[in-house]
Amino acid sequence: MKTKMKILAISGSTRKASSNLNLIKAVADLASEDFIISVFEGLSELPHFNPDLDDENVPHQVTDFRKQLSEADGVLFCTPEYAIGVPGTLKNAIDWTVSSMDFSQKPVALITASLSGEKAHLSLLGTLLIIEAKMTTDTQLLISFVKTKVSNDGKINDEQTLHSINKLINSLKEVISNDKQELLSAPILMNEGV
């Protein structure tokens, strides 16, 4: 019996019946032979990021989040787009990991699933790459008009979306297994004007 890879799934939506949580359920079903997917439940309980608390005074919610990240072989983000950006609670969680470098060399898959999602996807992808998450072109996916493609019970009802999710699952598995893949590099930052 092969050992399954542990994946921590993080929904960028805090709604209990969100399309992104339904999508995580769908991915968990599709990847059940290879992955054990657990959902991080404490996104809305994380305090606002405060660098003054990011030393010996780290809040216990943050310590628990970091522990779950360190125990995972990989991370799956499923997030909506809010006002053409990343949901604040999700960005807050990521901010808590910058100094601890929890995402450095951590295999990550990113699914942005929303009405459009393009702006949030590019923003979050840039953030994840700048904090050194291990990602490839195939471990990221943008699903526009998600409510037409994923049912409320976590079933994919669009063939192209199903194909793309299976490709993402296989690519994440390869990144975790350290199979040779071309990883995405961090975005080039513009020089400040003189």
N, C-alpha and C. Protein backbone atom coordinates (compact mmCIF):
# COMPACT_ATOMS: atom_id res chain seq x y z
N MET A 1 0.85 -1.18 0.00
CA MET A 1 0.00 0.00 0.00
C MET A 1 0.89 1.24 0.00
N LYS A 2 0.64 2.14 -0.96
CA LYS A 2 1.49 3.32 -1.05
C LYS A 2 1.06 4.37 -0.04
N THR A 3 2.03 5.16 0.37
CA THR A 3 1.76 6.24 1.31
C THR A 3 1.13 7.41 0.56
N LYS A 4 0.04 7.90 1.10
CA LYS A 4 -0.63 9.04 0.48
C LYS A 4 0.04 10.34 0.93
N MET A 5 0.03 11.30 0.04
CA MET A 5 0.60 12.61 0.33
C MET A 5 -0.41 13.45 1.09
N LYS A 6 0.09 14.19 2.09
CA LYS A 6 -0.79 15.05 2.90
C LYS A 6 -0.88 16.44 2.29
N ILE A 7 -2.10 16.85 2.00
CA ILE A 7 -2.34 18.16 1.40
C ILE A 7 -3.19 18.99 2.35
N LEU A 8 -2.74 20.20 2.63
CA LEU A 8 -3.55 21.14 3.39
C LEU A 8 -4.27 22.04 2.39
N ALA A 9 -5.59 21.99 2.41
CA ALA A 9 -6.40 22.81 1.51
C ALA A 9 -6.85 24.06 2.24
N ILE A 10 -6.74 25.19 1.57
CA ILE A 10 -7.14 26.47 2.16
C ILE A 10 -8.12 27.14 1.20
N SER A 11 -9.34 27.33 1.68
CA SER A 11 -10.33 28.04 0.89
C SER A 11 -10.22 29.53 1.21
N GLY A 12 -10.14 30.34 0.17
CA GLY A 12 -10.08 31.78 0.37
C GLY A 12 -11.41 32.39 0.77
N SER A 13 -12.46 31.60 0.68
CA SER A 13 -13.78 32.06 1.09
C SER A 13 -14.08 31.54 2.49
N THR A 14 -14.67 32.37 3.31
CA THR A 14 -15.05 31.93 4.66
C THR A 14 -16.51 31.49 4.71
N ARG A 15 -17.22 31.53 3.58
CA ARG A 15 -18.60 31.06 3.53
C ARG A 15 -18.63 29.54 3.70
N LYS A 16 -19.58 29.06 4.48
CA LYS A 16 -19.67 27.62 4.74
C LYS A 16 -20.06 26.83 3.49
N ALA A 17 -20.83 27.42 2.60
CA ALA A 17 -21.28 26.73 1.39
C ALA A 17 -20.68 27.38 0.14
N SER A 18 -19.42 27.72 0.20
CA SER A 18 -18.81 28.43 -0.92
C SER A 18 -18.50 27.48 -2.08
N SER A 19 -18.45 28.03 -3.26
CA SER A 19 -18.07 27.26 -4.45
C SER A 19 -16.64 26.74 -4.30
N ASN A 20 -15.79 27.50 -3.62
CA ASN A 20 -14.41 27.08 -3.46
C ASN A 20 -14.28 25.89 -2.51
N LEU A 21 -15.11 25.85 -1.48
CA LEU A 21 -15.11 24.67 -0.61
C LEU A 21 -15.66 23.46 -1.37
N ASN A 22 -16.68 23.68 -2.19
CA ASN A 22 -17.20 22.59 -3.03
C ASN A 22 -16.13 22.09 -3.99
N LEU A 23 -15.33 23.00 -4.49
CA LEU A 23 -14.24 22.62 -5.39
C LEU A 23 -13.18 21.80 -4.66
N ILE A 24 -12.88 22.17 -3.43
CA ILE A 24 -11.93 21.38 -2.63
C ILE A 24 -12.46 19.96 -2.45
N LYS A 25 -13.76 19.83 -2.17
CA LYS A 25 -14.36 18.49 -2.05
C LYS A 25 -14.20 17.71 -3.34
N ALA A 26 -14.40 18.36 -4.47
CA ALA A 26 -14.26 17.69 -5.76
C ALA A 26 -12.82 17.23 -5.97
N VAL A 27 -11.86 18.09 -5.67
CA VAL A 27 -10.46 17.72 -5.81
C VAL A 27 -10.12 16.56 -4.88
N ALA A 28 -10.63 16.60 -3.66
CA ALA A 28 -10.38 15.52 -2.70
C ALA A 28 -10.90 14.19 -3.23
N ASP A 29 -12.07 14.19 -3.84
CA ASP A 29 -12.62 12.96 -4.42
C ASP A 29 -11.77 12.48 -5.59
N LEU A 30 -11.41 13.39 -6.47
CA LEU A 30 -10.63 13.02 -7.65
C LEU A 30 -9.22 12.53 -7.30
N ALA A 31 -8.66 13.05 -6.22
CA ALA A 31 -7.28 12.73 -5.85
C ALA A 31 -7.17 11.74 -4.70
N SER A 32 -8.26 11.08 -4.37
CA SER A 32 -8.30 10.25 -3.16
C SER A 32 -7.30 9.08 -3.18
N GLU A 33 -6.86 8.64 -4.34
CA GLU A 33 -5.88 7.55 -4.39
C GLU A 33 -4.48 8.01 -3.98
N ASP A 34 -4.20 9.28 -4.18
CA ASP A 34 -2.85 9.80 -3.93
C ASP A 34 -2.74 10.76 -2.76
N PHE A 35 -3.82 11.49 -2.47
CA PHE A 35 -3.77 12.55 -1.47
C PHE A 35 -4.73 12.31 -0.32
N ILE A 36 -4.31 12.74 0.86
CA ILE A 36 -5.22 12.92 1.99
C ILE A 36 -5.33 14.44 2.14
N ILE A 37 -6.51 14.95 1.85
CA ILE A 37 -6.71 16.40 1.88
C ILE A 37 -7.47 16.80 3.13
N SER A 38 -6.85 17.66 3.92
CA SER A 38 -7.54 18.22 5.08
C SER A 38 -7.71 19.72 4.85
N VAL A 39 -8.83 20.24 5.28
CA VAL A 39 -9.15 21.65 5.06
C VAL A 39 -8.78 22.45 6.30
N PHE A 40 -8.05 23.54 6.08
CA PHE A 40 -7.73 24.45 7.18
C PHE A 40 -9.00 25.20 7.54
N GLU A 41 -9.43 25.05 8.79
CA GLU A 41 -10.71 25.61 9.24
C GLU A 41 -10.57 26.96 9.95
N GLY A 42 -9.35 27.42 10.19
CA GLY A 42 -9.16 28.59 11.05
C GLY A 42 -8.86 29.90 10.36
N LEU A 43 -9.18 30.01 9.08
CA LEU A 43 -8.82 31.23 8.34
C LEU A 43 -9.40 32.49 8.99
N SER A 44 -10.67 32.44 9.36
CA SER A 44 -11.30 33.65 9.92
C SER A 44 -10.92 33.88 11.38
N GLU A 45 -10.26 32.91 12.02
CA GLU A 45 -9.82 33.10 13.41
C GLU A 45 -8.41 33.67 13.53
N LEU A 46 -7.68 33.72 12.42
CA LEU A 46 -6.34 34.28 12.49
C LEU A 46 -6.43 35.78 12.78
N PRO A 47 -5.67 36.27 13.75
CA PRO A 47 -5.71 37.71 14.02
C PRO A 47 -5.09 38.49 12.86
N HIS A 48 -5.38 39.77 12.81
CA HIS A 48 -4.76 40.62 11.79
C HIS A 48 -3.25 40.53 11.94
N PHE A 49 -2.56 40.44 10.82
CA PHE A 49 -1.11 40.35 10.86
C PHE A 49 -0.52 41.57 11.56
N ASN A 50 0.39 41.29 12.50
CA ASN A 50 1.07 42.34 13.24
C ASN A 50 2.52 41.89 13.44
N PRO A 51 3.47 42.53 12.76
CA PRO A 51 4.87 42.11 12.88
C PRO A 51 5.39 42.14 14.32
N ASP A 52 4.80 42.98 15.17
CA ASP A 52 5.24 43.04 16.56
C ASP A 52 4.89 41.77 17.33
N LEU A 53 3.93 41.00 16.83
CA LEU A 53 3.57 39.74 17.49
C LEU A 53 4.25 38.53 16.85
N ASP A 54 5.05 38.78 15.83
CA ASP A 54 5.66 37.68 15.09
C ASP A 54 7.04 37.33 15.64
N ASP A 55 7.09 37.16 16.96
CA ASP A 55 8.32 36.75 17.62
C ASP A 55 7.93 35.75 18.70
N GLU A 56 8.29 35.99 19.93
CA GLU A 56 7.91 35.04 20.99
C GLU A 56 6.44 35.18 21.38
N ASN A 57 5.76 36.19 20.87
CA ASN A 57 4.34 36.41 21.20
C ASN A 57 3.39 35.96 20.09
N VAL A 58 3.83 35.03 19.27
CA VAL A 58 2.99 34.60 18.15
C VAL A 58 1.67 34.04 18.68
N PRO A 59 0.54 34.54 18.19
CA PRO A 59 -0.76 34.03 18.64
C PRO A 59 -0.89 32.53 18.37
N HIS A 60 -1.59 31.83 19.26
CA HIS A 60 -1.69 30.37 19.15
C HIS A 60 -2.36 29.95 17.84
N GLN A 61 -3.27 30.76 17.31
CA GLN A 61 -3.92 30.42 16.04
C GLN A 61 -2.89 30.38 14.90
N VAL A 62 -1.94 31.30 14.96
CA VAL A 62 -0.90 31.36 13.94
C VAL A 62 0.05 30.17 14.09
N THR A 63 0.40 29.84 15.33
CA THR A 63 1.26 28.69 15.58
C THR A 63 0.62 27.42 15.05
N ASP A 64 -0.69 27.26 15.28
CA ASP A 64 -1.41 26.08 14.78
C ASP A 64 -1.41 26.06 13.25
N PHE A 65 -1.65 27.20 12.62
CA PHE A 65 -1.64 27.28 11.16
C PHE A 65 -0.28 26.89 10.61
N ARG A 66 0.78 27.44 11.19
CA ARG A 66 2.13 27.12 10.73
C ARG A 66 2.46 25.65 10.91
N LYS A 67 1.98 25.07 12.00
CA LYS A 67 2.21 23.64 12.25
C LYS A 67 1.54 22.79 11.18
N GLN A 68 0.29 23.13 10.85
CA GLN A 68 -0.42 22.39 9.80
C GLN A 68 0.29 22.52 8.46
N LEU A 69 0.82 23.70 8.17
CA LEU A 69 1.58 23.90 6.94
C LEU A 69 2.84 23.04 6.92
N SER A 70 3.56 23.02 8.03
CA SER A 70 4.82 22.27 8.06
C SER A 70 4.60 20.77 7.95
N GLU A 71 3.46 20.28 8.43
CA GLU A 71 3.17 18.85 8.37
C GLU A 71 2.64 18.40 7.01
N ALA A 72 2.27 19.34 6.17
CA ALA A 72 1.70 19.01 4.86
C ALA A 72 2.81 18.82 3.83
N ASP A 73 2.60 17.85 2.94
CA ASP A 73 3.52 17.66 1.82
C ASP A 73 3.31 18.74 0.75
N GLY A 74 2.09 19.27 0.71
CA GLY A 74 1.76 20.30 -0.27
C GLY A 74 0.54 21.08 0.19
N VAL A 75 0.28 22.18 -0.47
CA VAL A 75 -0.85 23.05 -0.13
C VAL A 75 -1.68 23.29 -1.38
N LEU A 76 -3.00 23.26 -1.20
CA LEU A 76 -3.94 23.57 -2.27
C LEU A 76 -4.74 24.80 -1.86
N PHE A 77 -4.62 25.86 -2.64
CA PHE A 77 -5.44 27.05 -2.44
C PHE A 77 -6.60 27.01 -3.43
N CYS A 78 -7.80 27.25 -2.94
CA CYS A 78 -8.97 27.48 -3.79
C CYS A 78 -9.58 28.79 -3.31
N THR A 79 -9.58 29.77 -4.17
CA THR A 79 -10.02 31.09 -3.71
C THR A 79 -10.89 31.81 -4.72
N PRO A 80 -11.83 32.59 -4.21
CA PRO A 80 -12.58 33.47 -5.10
C PRO A 80 -11.80 34.76 -5.32
N GLU A 81 -12.38 35.62 -6.10
CA GLU A 81 -11.85 36.97 -6.29
C GLU A 81 -12.86 37.93 -5.69
N TYR A 82 -12.38 38.83 -4.83
CA TYR A 82 -13.24 39.86 -4.24
C TYR A 82 -12.75 41.22 -4.72
N ALA A 83 -13.61 41.97 -5.37
CA ALA A 83 -13.28 43.33 -5.84
C ALA A 83 -11.95 43.34 -6.60
N ILE A 84 -11.83 42.44 -7.54
CA ILE A 84 -10.65 42.16 -8.38
C ILE A 84 -9.36 41.94 -7.58
N GLY A 85 -9.49 41.38 -6.38
CA GLY A 85 -8.32 41.11 -5.56
C GLY A 85 -8.46 39.82 -4.76
N VAL A 86 -7.42 39.54 -4.01
CA VAL A 86 -7.37 38.37 -3.13
C VAL A 86 -8.19 38.67 -1.88
N PRO A 87 -9.01 37.73 -1.41
CA PRO A 87 -9.75 37.96 -0.17
C PRO A 87 -8.79 38.33 0.98
N GLY A 88 -9.19 39.31 1.77
CA GLY A 88 -8.33 39.81 2.84
C GLY A 88 -7.92 38.75 3.85
N THR A 89 -8.83 37.85 4.18
CA THR A 89 -8.49 36.81 5.17
C THR A 89 -7.41 35.88 4.64
N LEU A 90 -7.43 35.60 3.35
CA LEU A 90 -6.41 34.73 2.77
C LEU A 90 -5.06 35.43 2.73
N LYS A 91 -5.05 36.67 2.29
CA LYS A 91 -3.79 37.42 2.26
C LYS A 91 -3.22 37.58 3.67
N ASN A 92 -4.08 37.78 4.65
CA ASN A 92 -3.66 37.88 6.04
C ASN A 92 -2.95 36.60 6.49
N ALA A 93 -3.53 35.45 6.14
CA ALA A 93 -2.92 34.16 6.52
C ALA A 93 -1.53 34.03 5.90
N ILE A 94 -1.42 34.38 4.64
CA ILE A 94 -0.12 34.28 3.97
C ILE A 94 0.88 35.24 4.59
N ASP A 95 0.45 36.44 4.95
CA ASP A 95 1.35 37.40 5.60
C ASP A 95 1.96 36.84 6.88
N TRP A 96 1.19 36.03 7.61
CA TRP A 96 1.71 35.43 8.84
C TRP A 96 2.82 34.40 8.57
N THR A 97 3.00 33.97 7.33
CA THR A 97 4.00 32.94 7.03
C THR A 97 5.29 33.50 6.45
N VAL A 98 5.32 34.80 6.18
CA VAL A 98 6.48 35.35 5.48
C VAL A 98 7.76 35.20 6.31
N SER A 99 7.75 35.62 7.56
CA SER A 99 8.98 35.56 8.37
C SER A 99 9.37 34.13 8.71
N SER A 100 8.39 33.25 8.85
CA SER A 100 8.70 31.86 9.19
C SER A 100 9.06 31.03 7.95
N MET A 101 8.85 31.61 6.78
CA MET A 101 9.19 30.97 5.50
C MET A 101 8.51 29.61 5.32
N ASP A 102 7.29 29.49 5.80
CA ASP A 102 6.57 28.22 5.70
C ASP A 102 6.29 27.80 4.26
N PHE A 103 6.25 28.75 3.34
CA PHE A 103 5.98 28.39 1.95
C PHE A 103 7.24 28.23 1.12
N SER A 104 8.40 28.52 1.69
CA SER A 104 9.64 28.38 0.95
C SER A 104 9.85 26.92 0.57
N GLN A 105 9.89 26.65 -0.71
CA GLN A 105 10.07 25.31 -1.28
C GLN A 105 8.91 24.35 -0.97
N LYS A 106 7.77 24.89 -0.60
CA LYS A 106 6.57 24.07 -0.35
C LYS A 106 5.81 23.91 -1.67
N PRO A 107 5.54 22.69 -2.10
CA PRO A 107 4.72 22.49 -3.30
C PRO A 107 3.32 23.06 -3.10
N VAL A 108 2.89 23.86 -4.05
CA VAL A 108 1.60 24.55 -3.94
C VAL A 108 0.83 24.45 -5.25
N ALA A 109 -0.47 24.24 -5.12
CA ALA A 109 -1.39 24.34 -6.26
C ALA A 109 -2.35 25.48 -5.97
N LEU A 110 -2.65 26.26 -6.98
CA LEU A 110 -3.54 27.41 -6.84
C LEU A 110 -4.69 27.30 -7.82
N ILE A 111 -5.90 27.28 -7.29
CA ILE A 111 -7.10 27.37 -8.12
C ILE A 111 -7.84 28.64 -7.72
N THR A 112 -8.03 29.52 -8.68
CA THR A 112 -8.86 30.69 -8.46
C THR A 112 -10.17 30.41 -9.17
N ALA A 113 -11.25 30.39 -8.41
CA ALA A 113 -12.56 30.04 -8.96
C ALA A 113 -13.56 31.11 -8.56
N SER A 114 -14.04 31.82 -9.55
CA SER A 114 -14.89 32.97 -9.28
C SER A 114 -15.69 33.28 -10.53
N LEU A 115 -16.35 34.41 -10.55
CA LEU A 115 -17.03 34.85 -11.76
C LEU A 115 -16.00 35.11 -12.86
N SER A 116 -14.98 35.87 -12.52
CA SER A 116 -13.87 36.10 -13.44
C SER A 116 -12.61 35.50 -12.81
N GLY A 117 -12.01 36.23 -11.86
CA GLY A 117 -10.90 35.68 -11.09
C GLY A 117 -9.51 36.02 -11.57
N GLU A 118 -9.38 36.58 -12.75
CA GLU A 118 -8.06 36.78 -13.34
C GLU A 118 -7.15 37.68 -12.51
N LYS A 119 -7.66 38.79 -12.02
CA LYS A 119 -6.82 39.74 -11.26
C LYS A 119 -6.35 39.13 -9.94
N ALA A 120 -7.26 38.48 -9.22
CA ALA A 120 -6.88 37.83 -7.96
C ALA A 120 -5.87 36.72 -8.21
N HIS A 121 -6.09 35.97 -9.29
CA HIS A 121 -5.19 34.86 -9.61
C HIS A 121 -3.76 35.37 -9.83
N LEU A 122 -3.63 36.38 -10.66
CA LEU A 122 -2.29 36.92 -10.93
C LEU A 122 -1.65 37.50 -9.68
N SER A 123 -2.44 38.18 -8.86
CA SER A 123 -1.92 38.76 -7.63
C SER A 123 -1.43 37.68 -6.67
N LEU A 124 -2.27 36.67 -6.45
CA LEU A 124 -1.90 35.62 -5.50
C LEU A 124 -0.74 34.78 -6.04
N LEU A 125 -0.74 34.51 -7.33
CA LEU A 125 0.38 33.78 -7.93
C LEU A 125 1.69 34.53 -7.70
N GLY A 126 1.69 35.84 -7.92
CA GLY A 126 2.89 36.63 -7.67
C GLY A 126 3.34 36.56 -6.22
N THR A 127 2.39 36.64 -5.30
CA THR A 127 2.72 36.55 -3.87
C THR A 127 3.32 35.20 -3.54
N LEU A 128 2.71 34.12 -4.01
CA LEU A 128 3.21 32.78 -3.71
C LEU A 128 4.60 32.55 -4.28
N LEU A 129 4.84 33.05 -5.46
CA LEU A 129 6.17 32.87 -6.07
C LEU A 129 7.23 33.71 -5.36
N ILE A 130 6.87 34.89 -4.90
CA ILE A 130 7.85 35.75 -4.23
C ILE A 130 8.24 35.16 -2.87
N ILE A 131 7.34 34.36 -2.25
CA ILE A 131 7.69 33.70 -0.98
C ILE A 131 8.19 32.28 -1.22
N GLU A 132 8.56 31.99 -2.47
CA GLU A 132 9.28 30.79 -2.87
C GLU A 132 8.47 29.50 -2.83
N ALA A 133 7.16 29.58 -3.04
CA ALA A 133 6.37 28.36 -3.18
C ALA A 133 6.81 27.65 -4.46
N LYS A 134 6.81 26.32 -4.42
CA LYS A 134 7.18 25.52 -5.60
C LYS A 134 5.93 25.31 -6.45
N MET A 135 5.93 25.94 -7.63
CA MET A 135 4.78 25.85 -8.53
C MET A 135 5.26 25.70 -9.97
N THR A 136 4.39 25.09 -10.78
CA THR A 136 4.64 25.00 -12.21
C THR A 136 3.46 25.65 -12.93
N THR A 137 3.59 25.74 -14.22
CA THR A 137 2.48 26.25 -15.03
C THR A 137 1.22 25.40 -14.81
N ASP A 138 1.40 24.11 -14.59
CA ASP A 138 0.26 23.19 -14.47
C ASP A 138 -0.25 23.02 -13.04
N THR A 139 0.36 23.69 -12.05
CA THR A 139 -0.19 23.63 -10.69
C THR A 139 -0.97 24.90 -10.37
N GLN A 140 -1.42 25.56 -11.40
CA GLN A 140 -2.29 26.73 -11.22
C GLN A 140 -3.42 26.64 -12.24
N LEU A 141 -4.57 27.11 -11.81
CA LEU A 141 -5.76 26.99 -12.66
C LEU A 141 -6.72 28.12 -12.35
N LEU A 142 -7.23 28.74 -13.38
CA LEU A 142 -8.25 29.77 -13.25
C LEU A 142 -9.56 29.21 -13.78
N ILE A 143 -10.58 29.17 -12.92
CA ILE A 143 -11.90 28.69 -13.33
C ILE A 143 -12.88 29.85 -13.25
N SER A 144 -13.19 30.42 -14.39
CA SER A 144 -14.18 31.50 -14.43
C SER A 144 -15.58 30.90 -14.48
N PHE A 145 -16.56 31.67 -14.04
CA PHE A 145 -17.96 31.22 -14.01
C PHE A 145 -18.09 29.88 -13.26
N VAL A 146 -17.45 29.81 -12.09
CA VAL A 146 -17.34 28.55 -11.34
C VAL A 146 -18.70 27.93 -11.02
N LYS A 147 -19.70 28.74 -10.74
CA LYS A 147 -21.00 28.18 -10.34
C LYS A 147 -21.66 27.38 -11.46
N THR A 148 -21.22 27.56 -12.70
CA THR A 148 -21.75 26.77 -13.81
C THR A 148 -20.95 25.48 -14.02
N LYS A 149 -19.85 25.33 -13.28
CA LYS A 149 -18.95 24.20 -13.52
C LYS A 149 -18.80 23.25 -12.34
N VAL A 150 -19.17 23.72 -11.15
CA VAL A 150 -19.06 22.89 -9.94
C VAL A 150 -20.40 22.94 -9.22
N SER A 151 -20.93 21.75 -8.91
CA SER A 151 -22.24 21.69 -8.24
C SER A 151 -22.09 21.94 -6.74
N ASN A 152 -23.21 22.16 -6.09
CA ASN A 152 -23.21 22.41 -4.64
C ASN A 152 -22.77 21.20 -3.83
N ASP A 153 -22.80 20.01 -4.43
CA ASP A 153 -22.35 18.82 -3.71
C ASP A 153 -20.92 18.41 -4.10
N GLY A 154 -20.20 19.33 -4.72
CA GLY A 154 -18.78 19.09 -5.00
C GLY A 154 -18.52 18.20 -6.20
N LYS A 155 -19.34 18.27 -7.21
CA LYS A 155 -19.13 17.50 -8.44
C LYS A 155 -18.81 18.46 -9.58
N ILE A 156 -17.84 18.08 -10.39
CA ILE A 156 -17.47 18.87 -11.56
C ILE A 156 -18.42 18.49 -12.69
N ASN A 157 -19.11 19.47 -13.27
CA ASN A 157 -20.05 19.15 -14.34
C ASN A 157 -19.65 19.79 -15.67
N ASP A 158 -18.36 20.04 -15.84
CA ASP A 158 -17.82 20.60 -17.07
C ASP A 158 -16.58 19.78 -17.44
N GLU A 159 -16.59 19.18 -18.63
CA GLU A 159 -15.51 18.27 -19.03
C GLU A 159 -14.14 18.94 -19.07
N GLN A 160 -14.05 20.15 -19.60
CA GLN A 160 -12.76 20.84 -19.68
C GLN A 160 -12.23 21.15 -18.28
N THR A 161 -13.12 21.55 -17.39
CA THR A 161 -12.71 21.83 -16.01
C THR A 161 -12.22 20.55 -15.33
N LEU A 162 -12.93 19.46 -15.55
CA LEU A 162 -12.52 18.17 -14.98
C LEU A 162 -11.14 17.77 -15.48
N HIS A 163 -10.92 17.91 -16.77
CA HIS A 163 -9.61 17.60 -17.36
C HIS A 163 -8.52 18.47 -16.74
N SER A 164 -8.79 19.76 -16.62
CA SER A 164 -7.80 20.70 -16.07
C SER A 164 -7.48 20.40 -14.61
N ILE A 165 -8.49 20.02 -13.83
CA ILE A 165 -8.26 19.69 -12.42
C ILE A 165 -7.44 18.42 -12.30
N ASN A 166 -7.73 17.41 -13.12
CA ASN A 166 -6.93 16.19 -13.09
C ASN A 166 -5.48 16.47 -13.46
N LYS A 167 -5.27 17.34 -14.41
CA LYS A 167 -3.91 17.74 -14.80
C LYS A 167 -3.21 18.44 -13.64
N LEU A 168 -3.92 19.32 -12.95
CA LEU A 168 -3.36 20.02 -11.79
C LEU A 168 -2.98 19.03 -10.69
N ILE A 169 -3.85 18.07 -10.42
CA ILE A 169 -3.57 17.05 -9.39
C ILE A 169 -2.30 16.29 -9.74
N ASN A 170 -2.19 15.83 -10.98
CA ASN A 170 -1.00 15.08 -11.39
C ASN A 170 0.26 15.93 -11.32
N SER A 171 0.14 17.19 -11.68
CA SER A 171 1.31 18.08 -11.62
C SER A 171 1.74 18.35 -10.19
N LEU A 172 0.78 18.53 -9.28
CA LEU A 172 1.13 18.73 -7.87
C LEU A 172 1.82 17.49 -7.32
N LYS A 173 1.31 16.33 -7.69
CA LYS A 173 1.92 15.07 -7.26
C LYS A 173 3.38 15.01 -7.74
N GLU A 174 3.64 15.42 -8.97
CA GLU A 174 5.00 15.41 -9.50
C GLU A 174 5.90 16.41 -8.79
N VAL A 175 5.38 17.58 -8.48
CA VAL A 175 6.19 18.58 -7.76
C VAL A 175 6.54 18.06 -6.37
N ILE A 176 5.58 17.44 -5.69
CA ILE A 176 5.84 16.88 -4.36
C ILE A 176 6.88 15.77 -4.44
N SER A 177 6.79 14.95 -5.48
CA SER A 177 7.71 13.82 -5.65
C SER A 177 9.08 14.25 -6.16
N ASN A 178 9.25 15.55 -6.38
CA ASN A 178 10.50 16.11 -6.89
C ASN A 178 10.86 15.62 -8.28
N ASP A 179 9.84 15.19 -9.04
CA ASP A 179 10.11 14.85 -10.43
C ASP A 179 10.57 16.11 -11.14
N LYS A 180 11.42 15.92 -12.12
CA LYS A 180 11.97 17.09 -12.81
C LYS A 180 10.86 17.83 -13.54
N GLN A 181 10.65 19.04 -13.10
CA GLN A 181 9.69 19.92 -13.73
C GLN A 181 10.26 21.32 -13.73
N GLU A 182 9.84 22.10 -14.69
CA GLU A 182 10.29 23.48 -14.73
C GLU A 182 9.41 24.31 -13.80
N LEU A 183 10.01 24.76 -12.71
CA LEU A 183 9.28 25.56 -11.73
C LEU A 183 9.16 27.00 -12.20
N LEU A 184 8.07 27.63 -11.81
CA LEU A 184 7.90 29.04 -12.11
C LEU A 184 8.85 29.85 -11.24
N SER A 185 9.36 30.92 -11.78
CA SER A 185 10.25 31.78 -11.00
C SER A 185 9.47 32.98 -10.48
N ALA A 186 10.03 33.62 -9.48
CA ALA A 186 9.38 34.79 -8.88
C ALA A 186 9.29 35.90 -9.92
N PRO A 187 8.25 36.71 -9.81
CA PRO A 187 8.10 37.80 -10.78
C PRO A 187 9.24 38.81 -10.65
N ILE A 188 9.57 39.41 -11.77
CA ILE A 188 10.59 40.45 -11.76
C ILE A 188 9.95 41.74 -11.26
N LEU A 189 10.55 42.30 -10.23
CA LEU A 189 10.02 43.53 -9.66
C LEU A 189 10.61 44.73 -10.39
N MET A 190 9.80 45.71 -10.59
CA MET A 190 10.25 46.91 -11.29
C MET A 190 11.13 47.75 -10.37
N ASN A 191 12.15 48.36 -10.94
CA ASN A 191 12.98 49.29 -10.17
C ASN A 191 12.18 50.55 -9.90
N GLU A 192 12.43 51.12 -8.74
CA GLU A 192 11.77 52.38 -8.41
C GLU A 192 12.34 53.50 -9.26
N GLY A 193 11.52 54.48 -9.54
CA GLY A 193 11.98 55.64 -10.31
C GLY A 193 12.98 56.45 -9.51
N VAL A 194 13.77 57.19 -10.21
CA VAL A 194 14.80 58.01 -9.56
C VAL A 194 14.22 59.34 -9.16
